[in-house]
Amino acid sequence: MQDVGLSGKDDPTILEWAAQEERILLTHDVSTITRYAYDRVRLGQTMPGVIEVSPDAAVGRVIEDILVLVECSQDGELEGQVQYLPW
């Protein structure tokens, strides 16, 4: 988020940016972002997807799961979804 000037911004702002940029959000913020992501879906707003990664997950396992998710998903398939890694 630092690269695009969103460091320290609140979750709704980050989700809005992700929606405008058509980007899936990868985060360790498992405590709050899910609620805001599903709020966007409930309100009919664009939500390209969120991938929540457990902060204590093994990096290698998470990378493998992300690669599987990317390889097995079609464009837009994660729209409105929250995925939790590792599986």
PDB file of N, CA and C in Angstrom:
ATOM      1  N   MET A   1       0.810  -1.179   0.000  1.00  0.00           N
ATOM      2  CA  MET A   1       0.000   0.000   0.000  1.00  0.00           C
ATOM      3  C   MET A   1       0.867   1.262   0.000  1.00  0.00           C
ATOM      4  N   GLN A   2       2.101   1.107   0.487  1.00  0.00           N
ATOM      5  CA  GLN A   2       2.989   2.263   0.511  1.00  0.00           C
ATOM      6  C   GLN A   2       3.247   2.794  -0.898  1.00  0.00           C
ATOM      7  N   ASP A   3       3.367   1.891  -1.863  1.00  0.00           N
ATOM      8  CA  ASP A   3       3.703   2.289  -3.231  1.00  0.00           C
ATOM      9  C   ASP A   3       2.635   3.157  -3.883  1.00  0.00           C
ATOM     10  N   VAL A   4       1.402   3.061  -3.412  1.00  0.00           N
ATOM     11  CA  VAL A   4       0.314   3.823  -4.028  1.00  0.00           C
ATOM     12  C   VAL A   4      -0.254   4.880  -3.080  1.00  0.00           C
ATOM     13  N   GLY A   5       0.470   5.163  -2.003  1.00  0.00           N
ATOM     14  CA  GLY A   5       0.073   6.229  -1.096  1.00  0.00           C
ATOM     15  C   GLY A   5      -1.067   5.883  -0.156  1.00  0.00           C
ATOM     16  N   LEU A   6      -1.287   4.603   0.097  1.00  0.00           N
ATOM     17  CA  LEU A   6      -2.397   4.201   0.966  1.00  0.00           C
ATOM     18  C   LEU A   6      -1.944   3.695   2.332  1.00  0.00           C
ATOM     19  N   SER A   7      -0.678   3.831   2.634  1.00  0.00           N
ATOM     20  CA  SER A   7      -0.179   3.383   3.926  1.00  0.00           C
ATOM     21  C   SER A   7      -0.906   4.127   5.043  1.00  0.00           C
ATOM     22  N   GLY A   8      -1.455   3.375   5.985  1.00  0.00           N
ATOM     23  CA  GLY A   8      -2.162   3.972   7.112  1.00  0.00           C
ATOM     24  C   GLY A   8      -3.617   4.314   6.840  1.00  0.00           C
ATOM     25  N   LYS A   9      -4.085   4.090   5.623  1.00  0.00           N
ATOM     26  CA  LYS A   9      -5.487   4.390   5.299  1.00  0.00           C
ATOM     27  C   LYS A   9      -6.399   3.317   5.877  1.00  0.00           C
ATOM     28  N   ASP A  10      -7.665   3.664   6.045  1.00  0.00           N
ATOM     29  CA  ASP A  10      -8.612   2.713   6.617  1.00  0.00           C
ATOM     30  C   ASP A  10      -9.030   1.661   5.585  1.00  0.00           C
ATOM     31  N   ASP A  11      -9.615   0.581   6.083  1.00  0.00           N
ATOM     32  CA  ASP A  11      -9.991  -0.549   5.225  1.00  0.00           C
ATOM     33  C   ASP A  11     -10.944  -0.165   4.093  1.00  0.00           C
ATOM     34  N   PRO A  12     -12.002   0.609   4.352  1.00  0.00           N
ATOM     35  CA  PRO A  12     -12.890   0.968   3.243  1.00  0.00           C
ATOM     36  C   PRO A  12     -12.171   1.722   2.116  1.00  0.00           C
ATOM     37  N   THR A  13     -11.223   2.563   2.467  1.00  0.00           N
ATOM     38  CA  THR A  13     -10.463   3.304   1.453  1.00  0.00           C
ATOM     39  C   THR A  13      -9.605   2.351   0.622  1.00  0.00           C
ATOM     40  N   ILE A  14      -8.976   1.402   1.283  1.00  0.00           N
ATOM     41  CA  ILE A  14      -8.135   0.428   0.581  1.00  0.00           C
ATOM     42  C   ILE A  14      -8.985  -0.458  -0.325  1.00  0.00           C
ATOM     43  N   LEU A  15     -10.133  -0.887   0.158  1.00  0.00           N
ATOM     44  CA  LEU A  15     -11.020  -1.717  -0.662  1.00  0.00           C
ATOM     45  C   LEU A  15     -11.567  -0.932  -1.856  1.00  0.00           C
ATOM     46  N   GLU A  16     -11.851   0.338  -1.664  1.00  0.00           N
ATOM     47  CA  GLU A  16     -12.316   1.175  -2.777  1.00  0.00           C
ATOM     48  C   GLU A  16     -11.226   1.297  -3.834  1.00  0.00           C
ATOM     49  N   TRP A  17      -9.987   1.521  -3.396  1.00  0.00           N
ATOM     50  CA  TRP A  17      -8.873   1.594  -4.339  1.00  0.00           C
ATOM     51  C   TRP A  17      -8.742   0.276  -5.110  1.00  0.00           C
ATOM     52  N   ALA A  18      -8.796  -0.850  -4.392  1.00  0.00           N
ATOM     53  CA  ALA A  18      -8.673  -2.157  -5.040  1.00  0.00           C
ATOM     54  C   ALA A  18      -9.778  -2.351  -6.077  1.00  0.00           C
ATOM     55  N   ALA A  19     -10.983  -1.922  -5.744  1.00  0.00           N
ATOM     56  CA  ALA A  19     -12.102  -2.053  -6.679  1.00  0.00           C
ATOM     57  C   ALA A  19     -11.876  -1.188  -7.917  1.00  0.00           C
ATOM     58  N   GLN A  20     -11.451   0.045  -7.715  1.00  0.00           N
ATOM     59  CA  GLN A  20     -11.215   0.943  -8.848  1.00  0.00           C
ATOM     60  C   GLN A  20     -10.096   0.432  -9.751  1.00  0.00           C
ATOM     61  N   GLU A  21      -9.102  -0.185  -9.145  1.00  0.00           N
ATOM     62  CA  GLU A  21      -7.955  -0.697  -9.899  1.00  0.00           C
ATOM     63  C   GLU A  21      -8.152  -2.141 -10.367  1.00  0.00           C
ATOM     64  N   GLU A  22      -9.301  -2.731 -10.013  1.00  0.00           N
ATOM     65  CA  GLU A  22      -9.606  -4.129 -10.334  1.00  0.00           C
ATOM     66  C   GLU A  22      -8.513  -5.067  -9.831  1.00  0.00           C
ATOM     67  N   ARG A  23      -8.137  -4.855  -8.584  1.00  0.00           N
ATOM     68  CA  ARG A  23      -7.079  -5.648  -7.958  1.00  0.00           C
ATOM     69  C   ARG A  23      -7.638  -6.491  -6.827  1.00  0.00           C
ATOM     70  N   ILE A  24      -7.171  -7.703  -6.739  1.00  0.00           N
ATOM     71  CA  ILE A  24      -7.491  -8.561  -5.603  1.00  0.00           C
ATOM     72  C   ILE A  24      -6.560  -8.153  -4.470  1.00  0.00           C
ATOM     73  N   LEU A  25      -7.118  -8.008  -3.292  1.00  0.00           N
ATOM     74  CA  LEU A  25      -6.342  -7.560  -2.141  1.00  0.00           C
ATOM     75  C   LEU A  25      -5.797  -8.757  -1.371  1.00  0.00           C
ATOM     76  N   LEU A  26      -4.500  -8.774  -1.163  1.00  0.00           N
ATOM     77  CA  LEU A  26      -3.829  -9.794  -0.362  1.00  0.00           C
ATOM     78  C   LEU A  26      -3.449  -9.134   0.957  1.00  0.00           C
ATOM     79  N   THR A  27      -3.898  -9.703   2.078  1.00  0.00           N
ATOM     80  CA  THR A  27      -3.712  -9.030   3.360  1.00  0.00           C
ATOM     81  C   THR A  27      -3.489 -10.006   4.504  1.00  0.00           C
ATOM     82  N   HIS A  28      -2.860  -9.501   5.553  1.00  0.00           N
ATOM     83  CA  HIS A  28      -2.748 -10.224   6.821  1.00  0.00           C
ATOM     84  C   HIS A  28      -3.797  -9.715   7.807  1.00  0.00           C
ATOM     85  N   ASP A  29      -4.563  -8.713   7.418  1.00  0.00           N
ATOM     86  CA  ASP A  29      -5.540  -8.072   8.301  1.00  0.00           C
ATOM     87  C   ASP A  29      -6.797  -8.930   8.413  1.00  0.00           C
ATOM     88  N   VAL A  30      -6.697  -9.998   9.175  1.00  0.00           N
ATOM     89  CA  VAL A  30      -7.825 -10.918   9.299  1.00  0.00           C
ATOM     90  C   VAL A  30      -8.852 -10.448  10.327  1.00  0.00           C
ATOM     91  N   SER A  31      -8.564  -9.353  11.013  1.00  0.00           N
ATOM     92  CA  SER A  31      -9.475  -8.932  12.080  1.00  0.00           C
ATOM     93  C   SER A  31     -10.579  -7.991  11.617  1.00  0.00           C
ATOM     94  N   THR A  32     -10.341  -7.167  10.591  1.00  0.00           N
ATOM     95  CA  THR A  32     -11.361  -6.171  10.240  1.00  0.00           C
ATOM     96  C   THR A  32     -11.752  -6.125   8.772  1.00  0.00           C
ATOM     97  N   ILE A  33     -10.858  -6.448   7.879  1.00  0.00           N
ATOM     98  CA  ILE A  33     -11.136  -6.183   6.467  1.00  0.00           C
ATOM     99  C   ILE A  33     -12.277  -7.028   5.916  1.00  0.00           C
ATOM    100  N   THR A  34     -12.472  -8.224   6.468  1.00  0.00           N
ATOM    101  CA  THR A  34     -13.548  -9.095   5.985  1.00  0.00           C
ATOM    102  C   THR A  34     -14.906  -8.414   6.093  1.00  0.00           C
ATOM    103  N   ARG A  35     -15.153  -7.787   7.213  1.00  0.00           N
ATOM    104  CA  ARG A  35     -16.441  -7.109   7.417  1.00  0.00           C
ATOM    105  C   ARG A  35     -16.667  -6.047   6.349  1.00  0.00           C
ATOM    106  N   TYR A  36     -15.653  -5.248   6.084  1.00  0.00           N
ATOM    107  CA  TYR A  36     -15.793  -4.187   5.086  1.00  0.00           C
ATOM    108  C   TYR A  36     -15.920  -4.757   3.673  1.00  0.00           C
ATOM    109  N   ALA A  37     -15.226  -5.847   3.412  1.00  0.00           N
ATOM    110  CA  ALA A  37     -15.335  -6.483   2.097  1.00  0.00           C
ATOM    111  C   ALA A  37     -16.759  -6.976   1.865  1.00  0.00           C
ATOM    112  N   TYR A  38     -17.326  -7.649   2.849  1.00  0.00           N
ATOM    113  CA  TYR A  38     -18.695  -8.145   2.696  1.00  0.00           C
ATOM    114  C   TYR A  38     -19.722  -7.016   2.721  1.00  0.00           C
ATOM    115  N   ASP A  39     -19.414  -5.912   3.393  1.00  0.00           N
ATOM    116  CA  ASP A  39     -20.289  -4.735   3.319  1.00  0.00           C
ATOM    117  C   ASP A  39     -20.379  -4.239   1.880  1.00  0.00           C
ATOM    118  N   ARG A  40     -19.250  -4.205   1.189  1.00  0.00           N
ATOM    119  CA  ARG A  40     -19.250  -3.770  -0.217  1.00  0.00           C
ATOM    120  C   ARG A  40     -20.127  -4.693  -1.055  1.00  0.00           C
ATOM    121  N   VAL A  41     -20.011  -5.983  -0.831  1.00  0.00           N
ATOM    122  CA  VAL A  41     -20.812  -6.949  -1.589  1.00  0.00           C
ATOM    123  C   VAL A  41     -22.294  -6.739  -1.289  1.00  0.00           C
ATOM    124  N   ARG A  42     -22.623  -6.609  -0.013  1.00  0.00           N
ATOM    125  CA  ARG A  42     -24.019  -6.430   0.401  1.00  0.00           C
ATOM    126  C   ARG A  42     -24.627  -5.167  -0.206  1.00  0.00           C
ATOM    127  N   LEU A  43     -23.815  -4.122  -0.351  1.00  0.00           N
ATOM    128  CA  LEU A  43     -24.288  -2.853  -0.901  1.00  0.00           C
ATOM    129  C   LEU A  43     -24.250  -2.815  -2.429  1.00  0.00           C
ATOM    130  N   GLY A  44     -23.841  -3.926  -3.039  1.00  0.00           N
ATOM    131  CA  GLY A  44     -23.792  -3.984  -4.497  1.00  0.00           C
ATOM    132  C   GLY A  44     -22.595  -3.263  -5.098  1.00  0.00           C
ATOM    133  N   GLN A  45     -21.585  -3.008  -4.283  1.00  0.00           N
ATOM    134  CA  GLN A  45     -20.377  -2.344  -4.768  1.00  0.00           C
ATOM    135  C   GLN A  45     -19.378  -3.388  -5.263  1.00  0.00           C
ATOM    136  N   THR A  46     -18.525  -2.976  -6.155  1.00  0.00           N
ATOM    137  CA  THR A  46     -17.506  -3.865  -6.691  1.00  0.00           C
ATOM    138  C   THR A  46     -16.533  -4.270  -5.587  1.00  0.00           C
ATOM    139  N   MET A  47     -16.217  -5.565  -5.558  1.00  0.00           N
ATOM    140  CA  MET A  47     -15.235  -6.083  -4.616  1.00  0.00           C
ATOM    141  C   MET A  47     -14.516  -7.235  -5.317  1.00  0.00           C
ATOM    142  N   PRO A  48     -13.369  -6.931  -5.983  1.00  0.00           N
ATOM    143  CA  PRO A  48     -12.687  -7.928  -6.811  1.00  0.00           C
ATOM    144  C   PRO A  48     -12.227  -9.177  -6.072  1.00  0.00           C
ATOM    145  N   GLY A  49     -12.160  -9.128  -4.765  1.00  0.00           N
ATOM    146  CA  GLY A  49     -11.753 -10.288  -3.982  1.00  0.00           C
ATOM    147  C   GLY A  49     -10.711  -9.921  -2.951  1.00  0.00           C
ATOM    148  N   VAL A  50     -10.705 -10.692  -1.888  1.00  0.00           N
ATOM    149  CA  VAL A  50      -9.724 -10.521  -0.818  1.00  0.00           C
ATOM    150  C   VAL A  50      -9.143 -11.893  -0.510  1.00  0.00           C
ATOM    151  N   ILE A  51      -7.836 -11.937  -0.386  1.00  0.00           N
ATOM    152  CA  ILE A  51      -7.153 -13.146   0.063  1.00  0.00           C
ATOM    153  C   ILE A  51      -6.517 -12.805   1.401  1.00  0.00           C
ATOM    154  N   GLU A  52      -7.010 -13.458   2.438  1.00  0.00           N
ATOM    155  CA  GLU A  52      -6.480 -13.223   3.778  1.00  0.00           C
ATOM    156  C   GLU A  52      -5.484 -14.323   4.118  1.00  0.00           C
ATOM    157  N   VAL A  53      -4.296 -13.900   4.505  1.00  0.00           N
ATOM    158  CA  VAL A  53      -3.221 -14.830   4.832  1.00  0.00           C
ATOM    159  C   VAL A  53      -2.965 -14.773   6.329  1.00  0.00           C
ATOM    160  N   SER A  54      -3.030 -15.917   6.959  1.00  0.00           N
ATOM    161  CA  SER A  54      -2.741 -15.991   8.387  1.00  0.00           C
ATOM    162  C   SER A  54      -1.327 -15.476   8.638  1.00  0.00           C
ATOM    163  N   PRO A  55      -1.157 -14.568   9.602  1.00  0.00           N
ATOM    164  CA  PRO A  55       0.168 -14.000   9.861  1.00  0.00           C
ATOM    165  C   PRO A  55       1.217 -15.026  10.277  1.00  0.00           C
ATOM    166  N   ASP A  56       0.786 -16.146  10.825  1.00  0.00           N
ATOM    167  CA  ASP A  56       1.760 -17.145  11.265  1.00  0.00           C
ATOM    168  C   ASP A  56       1.880 -18.322  10.296  1.00  0.00           C
ATOM    169  N   ALA A  57       1.356 -18.158   9.091  1.00  0.00           N
ATOM    170  CA  ALA A  57       1.428 -19.221   8.088  1.00  0.00           C
ATOM    171  C   ALA A  57       2.836 -19.325   7.511  1.00  0.00           C
ATOM    172  N   ALA A  58       3.205 -20.525   7.133  1.00  0.00           N
ATOM    173  CA  ALA A  58       4.505 -20.752   6.496  1.00  0.00           C
ATOM    174  C   ALA A  58       4.499 -20.106   5.108  1.00  0.00           C
ATOM    175  N   VAL A  59       5.503 -19.313   4.832  1.00  0.00           N
ATOM    176  CA  VAL A  59       5.565 -18.555   3.586  1.00  0.00           C
ATOM    177  C   VAL A  59       5.506 -19.470   2.363  1.00  0.00           C
ATOM    178  N   GLY A  60       6.258 -20.550   2.381  1.00  0.00           N
ATOM    179  CA  GLY A  60       6.271 -21.470   1.243  1.00  0.00           C
ATOM    180  C   GLY A  60       4.897 -22.034   0.943  1.00  0.00           C
ATOM    181  N   ARG A  61       4.182 -22.402   1.980  1.00  0.00           N
ATOM    182  CA  ARG A  61       2.832 -22.951   1.814  1.00  0.00           C
ATOM    183  C   ARG A  61       1.882 -21.909   1.233  1.00  0.00           C
ATOM    184  N   VAL A  62       1.987 -20.679   1.717  1.00  0.00           N
ATOM    185  CA  VAL A  62       1.126 -19.608   1.215  1.00  0.00           C
ATOM    186  C   VAL A  62       1.420 -19.336  -0.254  1.00  0.00           C
ATOM    187  N   ILE A  63       2.681 -19.310  -0.620  1.00  0.00           N
ATOM    188  CA  ILE A  63       3.045 -19.088  -2.024  1.00  0.00           C
ATOM    189  C   ILE A  63       2.459 -20.192  -2.898  1.00  0.00           C
ATOM    190  N   GLU A  64       2.574 -21.432  -2.454  1.00  0.00           N
ATOM    191  CA  GLU A  64       1.998 -22.552  -3.213  1.00  0.00           C
ATOM    192  C   GLU A  64       0.487 -22.379  -3.376  1.00  0.00           C
ATOM    193  N   ASP A  65      -0.196 -22.009  -2.303  1.00  0.00           N
ATOM    194  CA  ASP A  65      -1.647 -21.827  -2.365  1.00  0.00           C
ATOM    195  C   ASP A  65      -2.032 -20.681  -3.303  1.00  0.00           C
ATOM    196  N   ILE A  66      -1.273 -19.593  -3.265  1.00  0.00           N
ATOM    197  CA  ILE A  66      -1.551 -18.464  -4.160  1.00  0.00           C
ATOM    198  C   ILE A  66      -1.366 -18.896  -5.614  1.00  0.00           C
ATOM    199  N   LEU A  67      -0.302 -19.632  -5.889  1.00  0.00           N
ATOM    200  CA  LEU A  67      -0.065 -20.101  -7.257  1.00  0.00           C
ATOM    201  C   LEU A  67      -1.199 -20.999  -7.740  1.00  0.00           C
ATOM    202  N   VAL A  68      -1.672 -21.892  -6.891  1.00  0.00           N
ATOM    203  CA  VAL A  68      -2.797 -22.758  -7.266  1.00  0.00           C
ATOM    204  C   VAL A  68      -4.040 -21.911  -7.526  1.00  0.00           C
ATOM    205  N   LEU A  69      -4.300 -20.963  -6.652  1.00  0.00           N
ATOM    206  CA  LEU A  69      -5.470 -20.099  -6.798  1.00  0.00           C
ATOM    207  C   LEU A  69      -5.418 -19.321  -8.108  1.00  0.00           C
ATOM    208  N   VAL A  70      -4.261 -18.772  -8.423  1.00  0.00           N
ATOM    209  CA  VAL A  70      -4.100 -17.993  -9.652  1.00  0.00           C
ATOM    210  C   VAL A  70      -4.234 -18.884 -10.888  1.00  0.00           C
ATOM    211  N   GLU A  71      -3.612 -20.038 -10.850  1.00  0.00           N
ATOM    212  CA  GLU A  71      -3.645 -20.931 -12.003  1.00  0.00           C
ATOM    213  C   GLU A  71      -5.024 -21.528 -12.249  1.00  0.00           C
ATOM    214  N   CYS A  72      -5.786 -21.722 -11.203  1.00  0.00           N
ATOM    215  CA  CYS A  72      -7.079 -22.400 -11.333  1.00  0.00           C
ATOM    216  C   CYS A  72      -8.266 -21.444 -11.414  1.00  0.00           C
ATOM    217  N   SER A  73      -8.021 -20.159 -11.308  1.00  0.00           N
ATOM    218  CA  SER A  73      -9.109 -19.181 -11.333  1.00  0.00           C
ATOM    219  C   SER A  73      -9.156 -18.463 -12.673  1.00  0.00           C
ATOM    220  N   GLN A  74     -10.356 -18.138 -13.085  1.00  0.00           N
ATOM    221  CA  GLN A  74     -10.536 -17.331 -14.281  1.00  0.00           C
ATOM    222  C   GLN A  74     -10.689 -15.873 -13.870  1.00  0.00           C
ATOM    223  N   ASP A  75     -10.482 -14.969 -14.823  1.00  0.00           N
ATOM    224  CA  ASP A  75     -10.642 -13.542 -14.534  1.00  0.00           C
ATOM    225  C   ASP A  75     -12.013 -13.286 -13.922  1.00  0.00           C
ATOM    226  N   GLY A  76     -12.021 -12.562 -12.821  1.00  0.00           N
ATOM    227  CA  GLY A  76     -13.265 -12.189 -12.171  1.00  0.00           C
ATOM    228  C   GLY A  76     -13.869 -13.248 -11.273  1.00  0.00           C
ATOM    229  N   GLU A  77     -13.269 -14.411 -11.220  1.00  0.00           N
ATOM    230  CA  GLU A  77     -13.851 -15.510 -10.450  1.00  0.00           C
ATOM    231  C   GLU A  77     -13.857 -15.254  -8.941  1.00  0.00           C
ATOM    232  N   LEU A  78     -12.943 -14.435  -8.460  1.00  0.00           N
ATOM    233  CA  LEU A  78     -12.890 -14.150  -7.025  1.00  0.00           C
ATOM    234  C   LEU A  78     -13.749 -12.949  -6.632  1.00  0.00           C
ATOM    235  N   GLU A  79     -14.423 -12.358  -7.603  1.00  0.00           N
ATOM    236  CA  GLU A  79     -15.296 -11.207  -7.342  1.00  0.00           C
ATOM    237  C   GLU A  79     -16.262 -11.527  -6.206  1.00  0.00           C
ATOM    238  N   GLY A  80     -16.272 -10.655  -5.201  1.00  0.00           N
ATOM    239  CA  GLY A  80     -17.199 -10.797  -4.084  1.00  0.00           C
ATOM    240  C   GLY A  80     -16.833 -11.867  -3.076  1.00  0.00           C
ATOM    241  N   GLN A  81     -15.636 -12.431  -3.188  1.00  0.00           N
ATOM    242  CA  GLN A  81     -15.239 -13.521  -2.297  1.00  0.00           C
ATOM    243  C   GLN A  81     -14.078 -13.130  -1.395  1.00  0.00           C
ATOM    244  N   VAL A  82     -14.026 -13.791  -0.255  1.00  0.00           N
ATOM    245  CA  VAL A  82     -12.869 -13.719   0.631  1.00  0.00           C
ATOM    246  C   VAL A  82     -12.328 -15.141   0.743  1.00  0.00           C
ATOM    247  N   GLN A  83     -11.062 -15.305   0.407  1.00  0.00           N
ATOM    248  CA  GLN A  83     -10.391 -16.599   0.509  1.00  0.00           C
ATOM    249  C   GLN A  83      -9.415 -16.526   1.681  1.00  0.00           C
ATOM    250  N   TYR A  84      -9.264 -17.636   2.377  1.00  0.00           N
ATOM    251  CA  TYR A  84      -8.360 -17.694   3.528  1.00  0.00           C
ATOM    252  C   TYR A  84      -7.225 -18.660   3.227  1.00  0.00           C
ATOM    253  N   LEU A  85      -5.999 -18.201   3.421  1.00  0.00           N
ATOM    254  CA  LEU A  85      -4.827 -19.035   3.191  1.00  0.00           C
ATOM    255  C   LEU A  85      -4.005 -19.120   4.468  1.00  0.00           C
ATOM    256  N   PRO A  86      -3.325 -20.215   4.709  1.00  0.00           N
ATOM    257  CA  PRO A  86      -3.298 -21.393   3.851  1.00  0.00           C
ATOM    258  C   PRO A  86      -4.594 -22.185   3.970  1.00  0.00           C
ATOM    259  N   TRP A  87      -4.843 -23.014   2.947  1.00  0.00           N
ATOM    260  CA  TRP A  87      -6.049 -23.848   2.945  1.00  0.00           C
ATOM    261  C   TRP A  87      -5.891 -24.963   3.910  1.00  0.00           C
TER     262      TRP A  87
END
